Structure formats: structure tokens, C-alpha cells
Amino acid sequence: VPQLAVKWFIQGLGAPNTSDDERQALRFDLAAAYERAGDLDRAKDLFTEIYGVNVSYRGVNERLKALEMRMSPVS
């Protein structure tokens, strides 16, 4: 249930005393939930933010490329 996951990941991001590593993990999982829910623009924005912090984080580079391919118009 990606919509429910989105809700909880957003709530987790707002929690006090969250470490940078925890926030990065929550952003990644939130992006994945957005992608599964069909909100590709938000997913791309978050994956791009994660990529900007750490290009090798949990395969974000490949995940972002695959997402961009899905979003590109078919010619």
C-alpha cells in the first residue's frame, strides 16, 4: 500500500532527533513509495536529492536512470 507508506515516511522525516543517515534512508524509501504509487515526479525529485548527497547510495544512480527512462516520452 504505497499511499500509506508515503504517509508514514513523511511522518518519519518530521520526527525529532533523526540522524542524517536515517533521513537519507527515509527519503529513499519515500521516493520508492512515490514511484510505486505512480507519482513519478515526486519520486524523481527525491531520488535526485539523494543522488546529490551520495551518488552511490543504495543504487540511486541506476534507480534514477530507470525512472527517467520510464518518464521519457516514447517516440
Protein backbone atom coordinates (compact mmCIF):
# COMPACT_ATOMS: atom_id res chain seq x y z
CA VAL A 1 0.00 0.00 0.00
CA PRO A 2 2.27 2.77 -1.29
CA GLN A 3 -0.03 5.65 -0.26
CA LEU A 4 0.10 4.54 3.36
CA ALA A 5 3.87 4.11 3.16
CA VAL A 6 4.16 7.68 1.84
CA LYS A 7 2.24 8.94 4.86
CA TRP A 8 4.50 7.14 7.34
CA PHE A 9 7.77 8.04 5.63
CA ILE A 10 6.77 11.72 5.60
CA GLN A 11 5.91 11.47 9.28
CA GLY A 12 9.29 9.84 9.94
CA LEU A 13 11.10 12.66 8.16
CA GLY A 14 9.45 15.11 10.54
CA ALA A 15 10.43 13.20 13.65
CA PRO A 16 12.84 14.93 16.03
CA ASN A 17 16.34 13.59 16.61
CA THR A 18 16.54 11.84 13.25
CA SER A 19 20.13 11.32 12.11
CA ASP A 20 21.33 12.28 8.63
CA ASP A 21 21.65 8.58 7.75
CA GLU A 22 18.10 7.89 8.90
CA ARG A 23 16.79 10.86 6.95
CA GLN A 24 18.59 9.67 3.82
CA ALA A 25 17.06 6.19 4.22
CA LEU A 26 13.60 7.66 4.77
CA ARG A 27 13.95 9.87 1.66
CA PHE A 28 14.99 6.85 -0.41
CA ASP A 29 12.09 4.75 0.84
CA LEU A 30 9.70 7.67 0.35
CA ALA A 31 10.90 8.08 -3.24
CA ALA A 32 10.35 4.36 -3.84
CA ALA A 33 6.85 4.61 -2.36
CA TYR A 34 6.04 7.60 -4.57
CA GLU A 35 7.26 5.63 -7.58
CA ARG A 36 5.06 2.65 -6.69
CA ALA A 37 2.11 4.99 -6.15
CA GLY A 38 2.63 6.42 -9.65
CA ASP A 39 3.84 9.86 -8.52
CA LEU A 40 6.92 9.76 -10.73
CA ASP A 41 7.70 13.48 -10.50
CA ARG A 42 7.99 13.40 -6.71
CA ALA A 43 9.95 10.16 -6.87
CA LYS A 44 12.38 11.70 -9.35
CA ASP A 45 12.80 14.83 -7.23
CA LEU A 46 13.68 12.78 -4.14
CA PHE A 47 15.98 10.38 -5.97
CA THR A 48 17.74 13.42 -7.46
CA GLU A 49 18.13 14.95 -3.99
CA ILE A 50 19.59 11.70 -2.68
CA TYR A 51 21.92 11.47 -5.67
CA GLY A 52 23.15 14.98 -4.93
CA VAL A 53 24.20 13.91 -1.45
CA ASN A 54 25.64 10.47 -2.25
CA VAL A 55 25.82 9.18 -5.83
CA SER A 56 26.36 5.59 -4.72
CA TYR A 57 23.62 5.41 -2.08
CA ARG A 58 21.63 2.16 -2.47
CA GLY A 59 21.98 2.18 -6.26
CA VAL A 60 20.25 5.55 -6.57
CA ASN A 61 22.08 6.31 -9.82
CA GLU A 62 20.59 3.25 -11.54
CA ARG A 63 17.21 3.84 -9.94
CA LEU A 64 17.15 7.43 -11.18
CA LYS A 65 18.17 6.41 -14.71
CA ALA A 66 15.45 3.76 -14.85
CA LEU A 67 12.87 6.23 -13.60
CA GLU A 68 13.91 8.83 -16.16
CA MET A 69 13.57 6.19 -18.91
CA ARG A 70 10.02 5.44 -17.72
CA MET A 71 9.19 9.13 -17.76
CA SER A 72 10.61 9.91 -21.19
CA PRO A 73 8.06 10.11 -23.99
CA VAL A 74 8.05 7.24 -26.44
CA SER A 75 8.91 8.38 -29.95
